[in-house]
Amino acid sequence: QASPCYWKTGVDSLLCHPYCVITYAAQIIKGTTVKNSRNPIFKHEVRMHAPLQGPLGVVTIAVYSEEIGGKEAADTLIGSATFDLDQSL
């Protein structure tokens, strides 16, 4: 899928409006959007509820680019990572 700025050249073509989404179990947290960035730094501290017993499951962190153009424009997935908490802790 083409970048929303595919017609631009140079540094402007690399700028986007990224934000992250953290998913754990049925909990979803959307971070704030960093406007006009090609190297965003997300300084989010989140707290999510984990089960007291049993497996912890996985956490997924996805980074999207917010598309300009109203509700009809779908945001573009830039990348994602999944962490298995049972193997990590």
Protein backbone atom coordinates (compact mmCIF):
# COMPACT_ATOMS: atom_id res chain seq x y z
CA GLN A 1 0.00 0.00 0.00
CA ALA A 2 1.35 3.39 -0.97
CA SER A 3 2.32 6.00 1.56
CA PRO A 4 -0.09 8.94 1.81
CA CYS A 5 2.77 11.16 0.62
CA TYR A 6 3.92 8.96 -2.27
CA TRP A 7 3.93 11.93 -4.66
CA LYS A 8 6.44 13.88 -2.56
CA THR A 9 10.19 13.51 -2.78
CA GLY A 10 13.08 13.87 -0.35
CA VAL A 11 12.63 14.01 3.42
CA ASP A 12 8.96 15.03 3.14
CA SER A 13 8.16 11.64 1.62
CA LEU A 14 9.43 9.92 4.78
CA LEU A 15 7.31 11.91 7.24
CA CYS A 16 4.17 10.35 8.64
CA HIS A 17 1.92 10.62 11.70
CA PRO A 18 2.72 7.45 13.70
CA TYR A 19 1.02 6.12 16.81
CA CYS A 20 1.21 2.81 18.65
CA VAL A 21 -1.47 0.38 19.74
CA ILE A 22 -0.79 -2.05 22.59
CA THR A 23 -3.01 -5.13 22.84
CA TYR A 24 -3.09 -7.58 25.73
CA ALA A 25 -5.93 -10.07 26.17
CA ALA A 26 -9.10 -8.00 25.59
CA GLN A 27 -7.39 -4.72 26.50
CA ILE A 28 -6.42 -2.24 23.79
CA ILE A 29 -4.56 1.02 24.43
CA LYS A 30 -3.92 3.56 21.66
CA GLY A 31 -1.08 6.00 22.19
CA THR A 32 -0.92 9.60 21.07
CA THR A 33 0.00 10.48 17.50
CA VAL A 34 3.42 11.99 16.80
CA LYS A 35 2.83 14.44 13.96
CA ASN A 36 5.23 14.78 11.02
CA SER A 37 7.84 12.33 12.25
CA ARG A 38 10.03 9.73 10.61
CA ASN A 39 11.68 8.60 13.84
CA PRO A 40 9.07 8.87 16.61
CA ILE A 41 9.83 8.28 20.26
CA PHE A 42 6.92 6.88 22.24
CA LYS A 43 7.25 7.48 25.98
CA HIS A 44 4.15 5.68 27.15
CA GLU A 45 3.75 4.02 30.48
CA VAL A 46 0.79 1.68 30.43
CA ARG A 47 -0.78 -0.53 33.04
CA MET A 48 -2.81 -3.51 32.03
CA HIS A 49 -4.51 -6.19 34.08
CA ALA A 50 -2.90 -9.65 34.00
CA PRO A 51 -4.33 -12.90 35.38
CA LEU A 52 -3.15 -13.92 38.84
CA GLN A 53 -3.01 -17.58 37.82
CA GLY A 54 -2.49 -19.44 34.59
CA PRO A 55 -0.68 -18.41 31.45
CA LEU A 56 -0.02 -14.72 30.86
CA GLY A 57 -0.39 -14.82 27.07
CA VAL A 58 1.02 -12.38 24.54
CA VAL A 59 1.35 -8.61 24.18
CA THR A 60 1.27 -7.07 20.70
CA ILE A 61 2.64 -3.63 19.94
CA ALA A 62 1.72 -2.24 16.53
CA VAL A 63 2.75 1.08 14.98
CA TYR A 64 0.41 2.74 12.50
CA SER A 65 0.58 5.87 10.39
CA GLU A 66 -2.47 8.05 10.84
CA GLU A 67 -3.88 8.85 7.42
CA ILE A 68 -5.17 12.32 6.72
CA GLY A 69 -8.46 12.37 4.87
CA GLY A 70 -11.31 11.79 7.25
CA LYS A 71 -12.99 8.68 8.58
CA GLU A 72 -12.90 6.94 5.20
CA ALA A 73 -9.08 6.78 5.16
CA ALA A 74 -7.71 3.64 6.79
CA ASP A 75 -4.52 4.00 8.82
CA THR A 76 -1.46 2.17 7.49
CA LEU A 77 0.30 -0.50 9.54
CA ILE A 78 4.01 0.32 9.69
CA GLY A 79 5.06 -2.70 11.76
CA SER A 80 4.28 -4.82 14.79
CA ALA A 81 5.94 -7.03 17.41
CA THR A 82 4.49 -9.77 19.58
CA PHE A 83 5.95 -10.80 22.93
CA ASP A 84 5.09 -14.08 24.64
CA LEU A 85 5.06 -13.13 28.32
CA ASP A 86 5.18 -16.76 29.46
CA GLN A 87 8.56 -17.20 27.77
CA SER A 88 9.85 -13.72 28.64
CA LEU A 89 9.26 -13.70 32.39
